Protein backbone atom coordinates (compact mmCIF):
# COMPACT_ATOMS: atom_id res chain seq x y z
CA MET A 1 117.90 -35.62 112.13
CA VAL A 2 119.84 -33.60 114.70
CA ASN A 3 122.29 -30.88 114.52
CA CYS A 4 126.17 -30.74 115.50
CA LYS A 5 126.41 -29.07 118.68
CA ASN A 6 129.50 -27.51 117.65
CA CYS A 7 129.16 -26.18 114.21
CA GLY A 8 125.41 -26.81 113.57
CA ALA A 9 125.69 -29.18 110.67
CA PRO A 10 122.72 -31.41 110.34
CA LEU A 11 123.45 -35.04 111.39
CA THR A 12 121.86 -38.39 110.88
CA LEU A 13 121.95 -41.59 113.19
CA ASN A 14 124.76 -42.86 110.81
CA ASP A 15 127.24 -39.72 111.57
CA ALA A 16 129.29 -40.97 114.68
CA PHE A 17 131.20 -37.64 114.02
CA CYS A 18 130.09 -34.54 112.36
CA PRO A 19 131.59 -34.62 108.85
CA HIS A 20 132.24 -31.07 109.03
CA CYS A 21 134.33 -30.39 112.21
CA GLY A 22 134.67 -33.95 113.50
CA THR A 23 133.05 -33.36 116.66
CA PRO A 24 131.26 -36.63 118.22
CA ASN A 25 127.63 -37.10 117.78
CA PRO A 26 125.98 -38.54 121.10
CA GLU A 27 122.98 -39.14 119.44
CA ALA A 28 124.62 -41.53 116.89
CA GLN A 29 126.70 -43.19 119.59
CA GLU A 30 123.49 -43.93 121.97
CA HIS A 31 122.04 -45.43 118.88
CA LEU A 32 124.98 -47.88 118.36
CA LYS A 33 124.98 -48.53 121.85
CA LYS A 34 121.07 -49.55 121.59
CA LEU A 35 121.92 -51.66 118.54
CA GLN A 36 124.90 -53.15 120.73
CA GLN A 37 122.43 -53.83 123.51
CA LEU A 38 119.93 -55.75 121.19
CA ASP A 39 122.55 -57.88 119.89
CA GLN A 40 123.58 -58.87 123.42
CA ARG A 41 120.05 -59.44 124.49
CA PHE A 42 119.58 -61.66 121.21
CA GLU A 43 122.87 -63.58 122.26
CA ASP A 44 121.69 -63.77 125.90
CA ALA A 45 118.27 -65.45 124.49
CA SER A 46 119.82 -67.84 122.14
CA LEU A 47 122.17 -69.21 125.05
CA GLU A 48 118.68 -69.20 127.29
CA VAL A 49 117.04 -71.37 124.38
CA ALA A 50 119.94 -73.95 124.16
CA ALA A 51 119.91 -74.41 127.69
CA GLU A 52 115.90 -74.95 127.76
CA VAL A 53 116.25 -77.45 124.96
CA ARG A 54 119.01 -79.37 126.84
CA LYS A 55 117.00 -79.47 129.99
CA SER A 56 113.40 -80.07 128.49
CA ARG A 57 112.03 -83.24 126.84
CA LYS A 58 109.70 -80.64 125.09
CA GLY A 59 113.02 -78.91 124.02
CA TYR A 60 111.80 -78.41 120.54
CA GLY A 61 108.27 -77.05 121.16
CA ILE A 62 110.06 -74.43 123.30
CA LEU A 63 112.80 -73.61 120.84
CA LEU A 64 109.89 -72.96 118.36
CA ILE A 65 108.26 -70.55 120.64
CA LEU A 66 111.29 -68.52 121.73
CA VAL A 67 112.74 -68.51 118.15
CA MET A 68 109.26 -66.89 116.91
CA LEU A 69 109.21 -64.59 119.67
CA LEU A 70 112.62 -63.41 118.68
CA LEU A 71 112.10 -63.33 115.15
CA ALA A 72 109.10 -61.20 116.04
CA ASN A 73 111.09 -58.77 118.17
CA LEU A 74 113.50 -58.39 115.43
CA VAL A 75 111.02 -57.75 112.42
CA ILE A 76 109.66 -55.01 114.63
CA PHE A 77 112.92 -53.61 114.98
CA VAL A 78 114.11 -53.54 111.80
CA MET A 79 110.47 -52.22 110.48
CA HIS A 80 110.64 -49.41 113.00
CA GLY A 81 113.84 -48.19 111.35
CA MET A 82 112.52 -48.80 107.63
CA THR A 83 109.55 -46.61 108.50
CA TYR A 84 111.11 -43.43 108.16
CA ASP A 85 112.96 -44.43 104.65
CA ILE A 86 109.49 -45.76 103.46
CA ALA A 87 107.84 -42.36 104.43
CA GLU A 88 110.73 -40.31 102.76
CA ARG A 89 110.70 -42.18 99.42
CA VAL A 90 106.93 -42.16 99.12
CA ILE A 91 107.47 -38.26 99.53
CA ALA A 92 110.37 -38.04 96.92
CA SER A 93 108.24 -40.18 94.66
CA LYS A 94 105.55 -37.35 94.57
CA MET A 95 107.91 -34.61 93.91
CA SER A 96 108.25 -33.05 90.55
CA GLU A 97 111.43 -32.38 88.60
CA THR A 98 111.08 -28.77 89.67
CA GLU A 99 110.31 -29.39 93.39
CA ILE A 100 113.26 -31.38 93.39
CA LYS A 101 115.82 -29.05 91.81
CA ALA A 102 114.44 -26.58 94.14
CA LYS A 103 115.22 -28.52 97.24
CA LEU A 104 118.86 -29.12 95.60
CA ASP A 105 119.42 -25.54 95.08
CA GLU A 106 118.29 -25.17 99.12
CA PHE A 107 121.29 -27.52 99.50
CA LEU A 108 123.49 -25.18 97.49
CA ASP A 109 122.59 -21.85 98.76
CA ALA A 110 123.13 -23.30 102.32
CA GLY A 111 126.52 -24.76 101.31
CA GLU A 112 125.29 -28.41 102.56
CA TYR A 113 127.34 -30.23 99.69
CA ILE A 114 127.23 -33.46 101.40
CA GLU A 115 123.87 -33.53 102.71
CA MET A 116 122.89 -32.88 98.87
CA ASP A 117 125.25 -36.02 97.69
CA LEU A 118 123.27 -37.91 100.49
CA PHE A 119 119.71 -36.84 99.23
CA MET A 120 120.69 -37.40 95.46
CA ASP A 121 121.79 -40.95 96.27
CA LYS A 122 118.97 -42.03 98.60
CA PHE A 123 116.41 -41.01 95.74
CA SER A 124 118.69 -42.56 92.89
CA LEU A 125 118.54 -39.14 91.02
CA SER A 126 120.02 -39.54 87.55
CA TYR A 127 123.18 -37.81 85.91
CA ARG A 128 120.95 -37.46 82.84
CA ASP A 129 118.11 -35.36 84.61
CA TYR A 130 120.03 -33.46 87.49
CA GLU A 131 123.75 -33.24 85.48
CA ASP A 132 125.04 -30.13 87.02
CA TYR A 133 123.90 -31.31 90.53
CA ARG A 134 125.22 -34.52 90.00
CA LYS A 135 128.63 -33.28 89.36
CA ILE A 136 128.66 -31.06 92.32
CA SER A 137 127.42 -34.07 94.29
CA TYR A 138 130.28 -36.47 93.02
CA LEU A 139 132.77 -33.70 94.04
CA ALA A 140 131.02 -33.34 97.76
CA GLY A 141 131.15 -37.44 98.04
CA TYR A 142 134.79 -37.57 97.50
CA GLN A 143 135.01 -34.39 100.10
CA SER A 144 132.81 -36.65 102.47
CA ARG A 145 135.11 -39.96 102.14
CA MET A 146 137.94 -37.72 102.91
CA THR A 147 136.72 -35.82 105.80
CA ASP A 148 135.36 -39.27 106.99
CA ALA A 149 138.68 -40.85 106.65
CA MET A 150 140.29 -37.70 108.69
CA THR A 151 137.85 -38.11 111.47
CA GLN A 152 138.66 -41.55 111.87
CA TYR A 153 142.38 -40.91 112.08
CA LEU A 154 141.83 -38.06 114.50
CA TYR A 155 139.65 -39.73 116.58
CA GLY A 156 141.28 -43.23 116.32
CA THR A 157 137.99 -45.23 115.42
CA GLU A 158 139.66 -46.57 112.27
CA ASN A 159 139.28 -50.27 112.49
CA TYR A 160 141.57 -51.63 109.62
CA GLY A 161 144.65 -50.48 107.98
CA ASP A 162 146.58 -47.54 108.62
CA PRO A 163 144.34 -44.57 109.32
CA LEU A 164 147.03 -42.00 108.16
CA VAL A 165 147.22 -43.82 104.89
CA ARG A 166 143.65 -44.04 104.22
CA THR A 167 143.42 -40.25 104.54
CA CYS A 168 146.09 -39.61 102.29
CA GLN A 169 144.54 -41.90 99.94
CA ALA A 170 141.10 -39.89 100.08
CA VAL A 171 142.90 -36.65 99.86
CA ALA A 172 144.63 -37.69 96.57
CA ASP A 173 141.24 -39.16 94.97
CA TYR A 174 139.45 -35.84 96.00
CA GLU A 175 142.39 -33.53 94.49
CA GLU A 176 142.24 -35.90 91.26
CA GLU A 177 138.14 -35.32 91.17
CA TYR A 178 138.64 -31.62 91.75
CA VAL A 179 140.99 -30.97 88.98
CA ARG A 180 139.64 -33.12 86.69
CA LEU A 181 135.95 -30.89 87.22
CA SER A 182 137.98 -27.69 87.31
CA LYS A 183 139.51 -28.56 83.48
CA ARG A 184 136.63 -29.79 81.86
CA ASP A 185 133.67 -28.24 83.10
CA ASN A 186 132.39 -24.73 81.95
CA SER A 187 129.16 -24.56 84.04
CA GLU A 188 129.50 -21.38 85.96
CA LYS A 189 127.27 -22.98 88.57
CA VAL A 190 129.32 -26.12 88.84
CA LEU A 191 132.82 -24.07 89.14
CA PHE A 192 131.49 -21.87 91.54
CA HIS A 193 130.35 -24.88 93.82
CA ALA A 194 133.32 -26.66 93.05
CA GLU A 195 135.35 -23.91 94.35
CA LYS A 196 133.39 -23.38 97.68
CA ILE A 197 133.80 -27.42 98.22
CA ASN A 198 137.52 -26.88 97.54
CA THR A 199 137.69 -23.80 100.13
CA GLU A 200 136.04 -26.11 102.79
CA VAL A 201 138.53 -29.03 101.88
CA ASN A 202 141.70 -26.72 102.07
CA GLY A 203 140.69 -25.48 105.35
CA PHE A 204 140.53 -28.96 106.83
CA LEU A 205 143.85 -29.91 105.29
CA LYS A 206 145.53 -27.07 106.91
CA ASN A 207 143.88 -27.06 110.32
CA TYR A 208 144.15 -31.12 111.03
CA LEU A 209 147.11 -31.99 108.83
CA GLY A 210 148.82 -28.78 109.01
CA LEU A 211 149.53 -28.49 105.09
CA THR A 212 150.53 -24.98 103.95
CA ASP A 213 148.97 -23.29 100.89
CA GLU A 214 151.85 -24.28 99.06
CA ASP A 215 151.74 -27.94 99.99
CA ILE A 216 147.96 -27.97 98.94
CA ALA A 217 148.88 -26.36 95.52
CA GLY A 218 151.45 -29.50 94.83
CA ILE A 219 149.30 -32.28 96.15
CA LYS A 220 147.88 -32.70 92.41
CA ASP A 221 151.47 -33.52 91.05
CA MET A 222 152.14 -35.82 94.05
CA ASN A 223 151.40 -39.72 94.29
CA GLU A 224 150.08 -41.06 97.58
CA SER A 225 153.01 -41.87 98.94
CA SER A 226 154.94 -38.57 98.50
CA LEU A 227 151.66 -37.09 100.21
CA LEU A 228 151.86 -39.47 103.04
CA ILE A 229 155.63 -38.35 103.55
CA LEU A 230 154.53 -34.76 103.27
CA VAL A 231 151.75 -35.22 105.85
CA ASN A 232 153.88 -37.08 108.34
CA GLU A 233 156.37 -34.10 107.98
CA ARG A 234 153.96 -31.24 108.67
CA LEU A 235 152.45 -33.39 111.74
CA ALA A 236 155.69 -33.95 113.33
CA LYS A 237 156.24 -30.11 113.44
């Protein structure tokens, strides 16, 4: 795991951009580049195999040998990536409920809500055993999808659909979950952290979409089309 060079937030190789501030993650981009190089090597090798088959009477033997080599390299590559995941799961399986909750509290104390959501999903921590944590985790998941959509819009990395439409949909989904949680939950712990998450989200909406406090307060009463119109108006200024 690495840290964002701009805000210091922890990042993984799956985070091409920081989910907190949107800064590009060079380590993740280098990882993607290596994967693309591997794909190219595999394609080049496949073409070489086909050429050898066409040229040689012993083409089938050559084909078998090269395919076996390719498969061996692919298995090694995949297993290398799986090693860390397996090790983490073994460690998690040996943690007691008290130790797991202590780890979740560390995430909460540090304000690392998205990281806590990823941790809970990775180790399949149930709603029944970790109810308050899971409620916060769900809201953080909506926050993560919203910031991801916003980052893709800002950096032009969206590959399908209208990125601003997707951003507004994610904002509306987040707002719906936040309002639902705020109205129905009476846990001080849940409400405290839900408010902290919402403060972060509001900061994103102001800084990157140009929304005002009044705009944000009215999101809960808007449909996605109205929100999209409002955001376009603010961005045009």
